Every structure is written in structure tokens, then in C-alpha cells.
Amino acid sequence: MNIYLIQKINRIIRIRFVKNFIVWLLHVLNFRYLALYFDPVLACNLRCKSCYFSDDEKRKELKGVFKPEELNQIAAALFSRAIRLQIGCGAEPTLSKYNPELIRLGKKYNVKYISLTSNVNLLNYESTKNLLDAGLDELTISVHGVRKETYENLMTNASFDKLMEVMQILTELKPNYPGFKLRLNFTINNLNVNELKDFFDVFGTYKIDILQLRALRNIGGIIKSVDTNQDFNTSFKLAMNTLKTECKNRKITFIEPDKFIAEDEESIEPESASYCYISPKIVWQSDFDWKNETFNNYSKRTNYASKLFKSIFS
């Protein structure tokens, strides 16, 4: 499945009436349409300066991890209506040791695209291979710096050498998994924008399929915004020209941010009925009894189709 084509179409469709109608139609026809955003554990091994995990008080609120039997219950409840499973959203998924099992559950229920987002500092050859053997379609690595000093400064507790080690492991393993894609997400701020033009000097030997530049947004970290002054804009434009050309030559999908006042990583809005967030604190809706009912049972019990239909005209 070309998930990026679906996202592109979704971005083109700007009218919410049309989007809501499509979701309602898919729902009543019993088709897959849910995008599951799954945090199997609410914790992180890093303290990135742009992330709420750098906030001591916020971290106290973020606790919990799913047990294997709970993953099975959630899969039975929701996976049959999911088109995509994204593992790792606001936390570090590799702190859970059950990700291969979660991926295999996705494959068992025929989820069309399974991706995992990580800082990869906890991965090694064996754990990386286990993810790919389980059927992972895409691994997204979060990177906040091109150079070692910037990377380790912005991603507190991270090791640049470890990142390079995992990049090499993935490059060696990729030929054995033809459908697997490696994606890098680079969050831009005033401290790293000057390095972007040198991205392929550092990462050019690795087998990258997608490079996305993300606009920094305020999610409670130490760094809360980007000062889009003249120096920033000059560096950013230079980097864009360089990266666009290099990505085209290397046949890498390049995704650039639309603006610096909000994140534009995904085309599925959190308020959309197709968006389904799952964590140890909440599984989709607060009134969804995921341990005892399925998505279809819940829909029937709450007349969910009617709610979706009314949202078309709201």
C-alpha cells in the first residue's frame, strides 16, 4: 500500500465536508479506515529539548506499559478496521519489548501499513532484525541534528555514534527486506538549520527512502518555537535547494514543512474520525470498553454511524 499517496490525496481534499462523508461511507460499508497511533509505553529514554519529556513535572503524568495479553485484546477490538498502525507517537516505543508481537498482530489482522517511530538509541542488530522479521513496513528515525555536537545537545542522553551504528545496521539489512522503508524525520530549529545543507555529507552512504523536515511546534519542551529571522530563512532556503536536488538524484521521497507555526507531519488530523490514539492511559474513546467489545460492537451500541453522518454537516 502506498500510504504516502493516500496522505497526498488527503491533503489535496481541503473541504472537511468531503472528508467526513468519505469516512462515514467507509464506516457504513464496513471498510478499513482507522489510522491507529499506538504508544505501547508512556516513557522515553531521552530528554530532547523540544519535547515534553524534558519537563520533570510532565514526565510524572506519563506512565504505563501494555502487557502482551492487553495487546491481543486491543488487536481483537480494533485492528480489523485499521488501514494503518503507527507505533510510537509521543513516547519511545522501543522501551517496550513486545513490539515484534504487536507488529505480528497487525499482520495477522491484515493491517495494510505498519510503521514505527523511534530515536533508535536502544536498538541493536538483533532487536532491529526482529522488527523487520515481524513484518515492519517502515521505520522512522527522529533526528534533530546533522552533526554529533548538535544532535547530542538537542537530544539529551542520545548517542550520535549509536545512531550511526543503527543506520549502518539498517543499510545492511534492507536488501533482505525489499518492501521495507527507512525514513528520517528532522525537526528544524534555529540551532540546527545551518547544518541541513550538509545532511548528505553525513547521511549520504545510508539507504534512506524518505526524508521529512518537520516544523518545530510547542509541545512543552525547553525549545518552544523557531525565530524565522533573516538568517534562519537564508539557511533554510539554501538547505531546501540542496536537499531537493540531492533527494531527486538519490530517488528519495522528500517532504518539506509547509510552515513553522504548526506541525505538518501527517495528513490525518487528531479531530478526524479516522484518527485513533492508543496508549496505556486511553484506548480511542473514553467510553470504549476495549477489553470486552470490538469497534463494531461499540459502533452498534452507540449508533456511531449516525454520529459520523451528523459530522458531515457540522
Protein backbone atom coordinates (compact mmCIF):
# COMPACT_ATOMS: atom_id res chain seq x y z
CA MET A 1 0.00 0.00 0.00
CA ASN A 2 1.26 3.47 -0.90
CA ILE A 3 0.43 5.30 2.31
CA TYR A 4 2.10 8.46 1.03
CA LEU A 5 -0.21 8.62 -1.96
CA ILE A 6 -3.20 8.38 0.40
CA GLN A 7 -1.76 11.19 2.54
CA LYS A 8 -1.18 13.32 -0.54
CA ILE A 9 -4.78 12.86 -1.69
CA ASN A 10 -5.99 13.68 1.82
CA ARG A 11 -4.00 16.93 1.78
CA ILE A 12 -5.47 17.86 -1.59
CA ILE A 13 -9.01 17.39 -0.27
CA ARG A 14 -9.35 20.57 1.78
CA ILE A 15 -13.11 20.50 2.28
CA ARG A 16 -13.97 18.84 5.58
CA PHE A 17 -17.48 18.01 4.33
CA VAL A 18 -15.94 15.73 1.71
CA LYS A 19 -13.52 14.12 4.17
CA ASN A 20 -16.24 13.40 6.70
CA PHE A 21 -18.50 11.98 4.02
CA ILE A 22 -15.76 9.60 2.88
CA VAL A 23 -15.16 8.42 6.46
CA TRP A 24 -18.88 7.86 7.02
CA LEU A 25 -19.18 5.93 3.76
CA LEU A 26 -16.20 3.70 4.59
CA HIS A 27 -17.66 3.10 8.02
CA VAL A 28 -21.14 2.01 6.89
CA LEU A 29 -19.65 -0.16 4.14
CA ASN A 30 -17.53 -1.91 6.80
CA PHE A 31 -14.26 -0.95 5.09
CA ARG A 32 -10.97 -0.19 6.81
CA TYR A 33 -10.34 3.47 7.53
CA LEU A 34 -8.82 3.80 11.01
CA ALA A 35 -5.28 5.11 11.43
CA LEU A 36 -4.08 3.72 14.75
CA TYR A 37 -1.48 5.82 16.57
CA PHE A 38 -0.15 3.49 19.24
CA ASP A 39 2.11 4.28 22.21
CA PRO A 40 2.80 0.86 23.78
CA VAL A 41 4.64 2.56 26.66
CA LEU A 42 4.44 6.10 28.04
CA ALA A 43 8.12 6.81 28.69
CA CYS A 44 11.26 7.91 26.88
CA ASN A 45 14.97 7.23 27.31
CA LEU A 46 15.86 10.74 26.05
CA ARG A 47 15.15 14.29 27.19
CA CYS A 48 15.00 16.11 23.86
CA LYS A 49 14.90 19.88 24.31
CA SER A 50 11.87 20.25 22.02
CA CYS A 51 9.84 17.52 23.77
CA TYR A 52 7.69 17.39 26.90
CA PHE A 53 9.81 14.52 28.23
CA SER A 54 12.38 17.19 29.11
CA ASP A 55 9.83 18.56 31.61
CA ASP A 56 10.20 16.90 35.04
CA GLU A 57 6.61 17.59 36.06
CA LYS A 58 5.10 16.40 32.76
CA ARG A 59 7.02 13.12 32.96
CA LYS A 60 5.30 12.31 36.23
CA GLU A 61 1.99 12.16 34.33
CA LEU A 62 3.33 9.81 31.66
CA LYS A 63 3.44 6.27 32.98
CA GLY A 64 2.24 2.86 31.93
CA VAL A 65 3.01 0.00 29.58
CA PHE A 66 0.78 -2.55 27.84
CA LYS A 67 1.09 -6.22 28.73
CA PRO A 68 1.11 -8.86 25.96
CA GLU A 69 -2.43 -10.01 26.76
CA GLU A 70 -3.65 -6.40 26.51
CA LEU A 71 -2.06 -6.03 23.06
CA ASN A 72 -4.05 -9.07 21.97
CA GLN A 73 -7.26 -7.55 23.33
CA ILE A 74 -6.67 -4.25 21.54
CA ALA A 75 -5.84 -6.03 18.30
CA ALA A 76 -9.05 -8.05 18.50
CA ALA A 77 -11.03 -4.89 19.23
CA LEU A 78 -9.67 -2.51 16.59
CA PHE A 79 -7.23 -3.97 14.07
CA SER A 80 -9.84 -5.38 11.69
CA ARG A 81 -10.93 -1.82 10.83
CA ALA A 82 -7.42 -0.33 10.65
CA ILE A 83 -5.70 0.63 7.45
CA ARG A 84 -2.54 1.76 9.22
CA LEU A 85 -0.74 1.09 12.51
CA GLN A 86 1.76 3.71 13.67
CA ILE A 87 3.78 2.50 16.68
CA GLY A 88 5.36 5.32 18.66
CA CYS A 89 3.72 8.75 18.70
CA GLY A 90 4.60 10.87 21.71
CA ALA A 91 6.82 8.35 23.53
CA GLU A 92 9.68 5.93 22.79
CA PRO A 93 8.23 2.54 21.71
CA THR A 94 11.48 0.58 21.97
CA LEU A 95 11.18 0.76 25.77
CA SER A 96 8.55 -1.94 25.27
CA LYS A 97 9.92 -5.40 24.49
CA TYR A 98 6.73 -6.51 22.78
CA ASN A 99 6.94 -4.54 19.53
CA PRO A 100 7.62 -7.60 17.32
CA GLU A 101 4.49 -9.21 18.81
CA LEU A 102 2.49 -6.05 18.14
CA ILE A 103 3.70 -5.96 14.53
CA ARG A 104 2.83 -9.62 14.05
CA LEU A 105 -0.65 -8.93 15.42
CA GLY A 106 -1.01 -6.17 12.83
CA LYS A 107 -0.03 -8.60 10.09
CA LYS A 108 -2.39 -11.24 11.47
CA TYR A 109 -5.30 -8.81 11.16
CA ASN A 110 -4.12 -7.64 7.70
CA VAL A 111 -3.34 -4.04 8.66
CA LYS A 112 -2.04 -2.64 5.39
CA TYR A 113 0.85 -0.50 6.63
CA ILE A 114 2.79 -0.77 9.89
CA SER A 115 5.37 1.83 10.87
CA LEU A 116 7.41 2.55 13.98
CA THR A 117 8.96 5.87 15.05
CA SER A 118 11.97 5.79 17.35
CA ASN A 119 15.19 7.54 18.32
CA VAL A 120 16.78 4.04 17.85
CA ASN A 121 19.27 4.55 20.69
CA LEU A 122 18.07 1.32 22.32
CA LEU A 123 18.26 -0.82 19.17
CA ASN A 124 21.00 -3.24 18.17
CA TYR A 125 21.39 -5.73 15.32
CA GLU A 126 19.21 -8.42 16.89
CA SER A 127 16.35 -6.15 18.00
CA THR A 128 16.35 -4.33 14.66
CA LYS A 129 16.22 -7.60 12.73
CA ASN A 130 13.40 -8.84 14.97
CA LEU A 131 11.29 -5.83 13.97
CA LEU A 132 11.92 -6.43 10.28
CA ASP A 133 11.32 -10.17 10.56
CA ALA A 134 7.97 -9.45 12.24
CA GLY A 135 6.89 -7.52 9.13
CA LEU A 136 7.59 -3.85 9.86
CA ASP A 137 6.89 -1.80 6.72
CA GLU A 138 8.64 1.40 7.78
CA LEU A 139 11.00 2.63 10.49
CA THR A 140 11.08 6.38 11.10
CA ILE A 141 14.10 7.73 12.97
CA SER A 142 13.79 11.04 14.79
CA VAL A 143 16.89 13.20 14.23
CA HIS A 144 17.42 16.75 15.48
CA GLY A 145 20.96 17.38 14.29
CA VAL A 146 23.31 16.58 11.41
CA ARG A 147 26.50 16.92 13.46
CA LYS A 148 27.35 14.99 16.63
CA GLU A 149 27.55 18.05 18.87
CA THR A 150 24.17 19.43 17.78
CA TYR A 151 22.45 16.04 17.81
CA GLU A 152 23.59 15.21 21.35
CA ASN A 153 22.87 18.73 22.60
CA LEU A 154 19.28 18.79 21.31
CA MET A 155 18.61 15.11 22.07
CA THR A 156 19.82 14.91 25.66
CA ASN A 157 21.10 11.40 26.65
CA ALA A 158 21.32 10.31 22.99
CA SER A 159 24.46 8.96 21.34
CA PHE A 160 25.30 10.06 17.80
CA ASP A 161 27.64 7.07 17.46
CA LYS A 162 24.73 4.76 18.33
CA LEU A 163 22.57 6.45 15.68
CA MET A 164 25.27 5.86 13.06
CA GLU A 165 25.60 2.23 14.19
CA VAL A 166 21.87 1.58 13.72
CA MET A 167 21.85 3.42 10.38
CA GLN A 168 24.59 1.05 9.19
CA ILE A 169 22.70 -2.00 10.52
CA LEU A 170 19.57 -0.92 8.61
CA THR A 171 21.54 -0.29 5.43
CA GLU A 172 22.99 -3.80 5.63
CA LEU A 173 19.62 -5.44 6.39
CA LYS A 174 17.47 -3.54 3.85
CA PRO A 175 18.34 -5.67 0.77
CA ASN A 176 16.82 -8.68 2.56
CA TYR A 177 13.50 -6.87 3.08
CA PRO A 178 12.53 -5.38 -0.30
CA GLY A 179 9.30 -3.75 0.92
CA PHE A 180 10.84 -2.11 3.98
CA LYS A 181 11.31 1.68 4.02
CA LEU A 182 13.68 3.77 6.12
CA ARG A 183 12.53 7.29 6.90
CA LEU A 184 14.28 10.11 8.73
CA ASN A 185 12.34 12.91 10.41
CA PHE A 186 14.38 16.04 11.04
CA THR A 187 12.83 18.67 13.32
CA ILE A 188 14.14 22.11 12.39
CA ASN A 189 15.05 24.89 14.80
CA ASN A 190 17.48 27.80 14.96
CA LEU A 191 20.26 25.61 16.35
CA ASN A 192 20.32 23.05 13.54
CA VAL A 193 19.10 24.79 10.38
CA ASN A 194 22.64 25.74 9.30
CA GLU A 195 23.63 22.05 9.22
CA LEU A 196 20.86 20.93 6.89
CA LYS A 197 22.80 21.75 3.74
CA ASP A 198 25.41 19.20 4.87
CA PHE A 199 22.88 16.43 5.52
CA PHE A 200 24.09 14.08 2.79
CA ASP A 201 27.74 14.65 3.71
CA VAL A 202 26.91 12.73 6.89
CA PHE A 203 23.97 10.51 5.92
CA GLY A 204 24.66 10.03 2.22
CA THR A 205 26.02 6.48 2.49
CA TYR A 206 22.88 5.09 4.12
CA LYS A 207 19.85 3.62 2.33
CA ILE A 208 17.21 6.25 3.13
CA ASP A 209 13.83 6.11 1.38
CA ILE A 210 12.09 9.17 2.85
CA LEU A 211 13.40 12.39 4.35
CA GLN A 212 10.94 14.65 6.10
CA LEU A 213 11.68 18.06 7.54
CA ARG A 214 9.32 18.88 10.38
CA ALA A 215 8.39 22.29 11.67
CA LEU A 216 9.02 22.67 15.37
CA ARG A 217 5.87 23.09 17.42
CA ASN A 218 5.41 23.86 21.08
CA ILE A 219 4.72 20.59 22.89
CA GLY A 220 6.12 21.65 26.24
CA GLY A 221 9.87 21.32 25.69
CA ILE A 222 12.61 23.82 26.51
CA ILE A 223 12.68 24.95 22.87
CA LYS A 224 9.18 26.09 22.05
CA SER A 225 9.39 27.99 18.76
CA VAL A 226 11.51 28.96 15.76
CA ASP A 227 12.67 32.53 15.22
CA THR A 228 12.15 32.86 11.47
CA ASN A 229 14.55 35.77 11.11
CA GLN A 230 16.56 36.62 8.02
CA ASP A 231 19.47 34.34 8.95
CA PHE A 232 17.11 31.42 9.51
CA ASN A 233 15.26 31.97 6.23
CA THR A 234 18.53 32.25 4.29
CA SER A 235 19.86 28.99 5.75
CA PHE A 236 16.52 27.26 5.28
CA LYS A 237 16.19 28.22 1.60
CA LEU A 238 19.76 27.12 0.90
CA ALA A 239 19.12 23.79 2.58
CA MET A 240 15.85 23.27 0.69
CA ASN A 241 17.51 23.80 -2.67
CA THR A 242 20.33 21.41 -1.79
CA LEU A 243 18.12 18.70 -0.30
CA LYS A 244 15.53 18.78 -3.07
CA THR A 245 18.22 18.25 -5.68
CA GLU A 246 20.03 15.54 -3.71
CA CYS A 247 16.83 13.65 -2.87
CA LYS A 248 15.74 13.71 -6.51
CA ASN A 249 19.11 12.38 -7.64
CA ARG A 250 19.05 9.66 -4.99
CA LYS A 251 15.38 8.77 -5.60
CA ILE A 252 14.47 9.69 -2.02
CA THR A 253 10.98 10.97 -1.23
CA PHE A 254 11.40 14.48 0.18
CA ILE A 255 8.77 16.06 2.42
CA GLU A 256 9.28 19.67 3.47
CA PRO A 257 7.28 21.60 6.08
CA ASP A 258 4.57 23.97 4.91
CA LYS A 259 5.11 26.41 7.75
CA PHE A 260 6.76 26.89 11.12
CA ILE A 261 3.73 27.61 13.27
CA ALA A 262 2.36 24.06 13.36
CA GLU A 263 3.50 20.53 12.69
CA ASP A 264 2.51 19.03 9.35
CA GLU A 265 3.82 15.51 9.74
CA GLU A 266 0.69 13.58 9.00
CA SER A 267 -2.33 14.29 6.87
CA ILE A 268 -4.76 12.79 9.38
CA GLU A 269 -5.99 15.39 11.85
CA PRO A 270 -6.41 14.35 15.51
CA GLU A 271 -10.04 15.50 15.42
CA SER A 272 -10.77 13.30 12.40
CA ALA A 273 -12.91 10.20 12.93
CA SER A 274 -10.20 8.18 11.20
CA TYR A 275 -7.65 9.11 13.89
CA CYS A 276 -7.42 6.59 16.74
CA TYR A 277 -4.92 7.17 19.54
CA ILE A 278 -3.99 4.30 21.85
CA SER A 279 -1.85 4.44 24.98
CA PRO A 280 -1.83 2.91 28.47
CA LYS A 281 -3.91 5.93 29.56
CA ILE A 282 -6.63 5.75 26.90
CA VAL A 283 -7.71 3.46 24.07
CA TRP A 284 -9.52 5.52 21.41
CA GLN A 285 -12.72 6.76 23.11
CA SER A 286 -13.14 7.15 26.87
CA ASP A 287 -16.39 5.11 26.73
CA PHE A 288 -14.90 2.34 24.59
CA ASP A 289 -14.69 -0.88 26.63
CA TRP A 290 -11.81 -2.33 24.64
CA LYS A 291 -11.37 -5.33 26.92
CA ASN A 292 -14.93 -6.51 26.33
CA GLU A 293 -16.12 -5.14 22.97
CA THR A 294 -14.89 -4.59 19.43
CA PHE A 295 -15.02 -1.46 17.31
CA ASN A 296 -18.08 -2.82 15.51
CA ASN A 297 -19.82 -3.67 18.80
CA TYR A 298 -19.15 -0.17 20.09
CA SER A 299 -20.40 1.38 16.86
CA LYS A 300 -23.66 -0.53 17.12
CA ARG A 301 -24.09 0.22 20.84
CA THR A 302 -23.52 3.98 20.44
CA ASN A 303 -25.07 4.42 16.99
CA TYR A 304 -21.67 5.66 15.84
CA ALA A 305 -22.66 5.72 12.17
CA SER A 306 -25.27 8.35 12.99
CA LYS A 307 -22.67 10.48 14.76
CA LEU A 308 -20.38 10.27 11.76
CA PHE A 309 -23.21 11.19 9.43
CA LYS A 310 -24.08 14.27 11.50
CA SER A 311 -20.43 15.34 11.46
CA ILE A 312 -20.66 15.72 7.68
CA PHE A 313 -22.89 18.76 8.13
CA SER A 314 -21.38 20.18 11.32
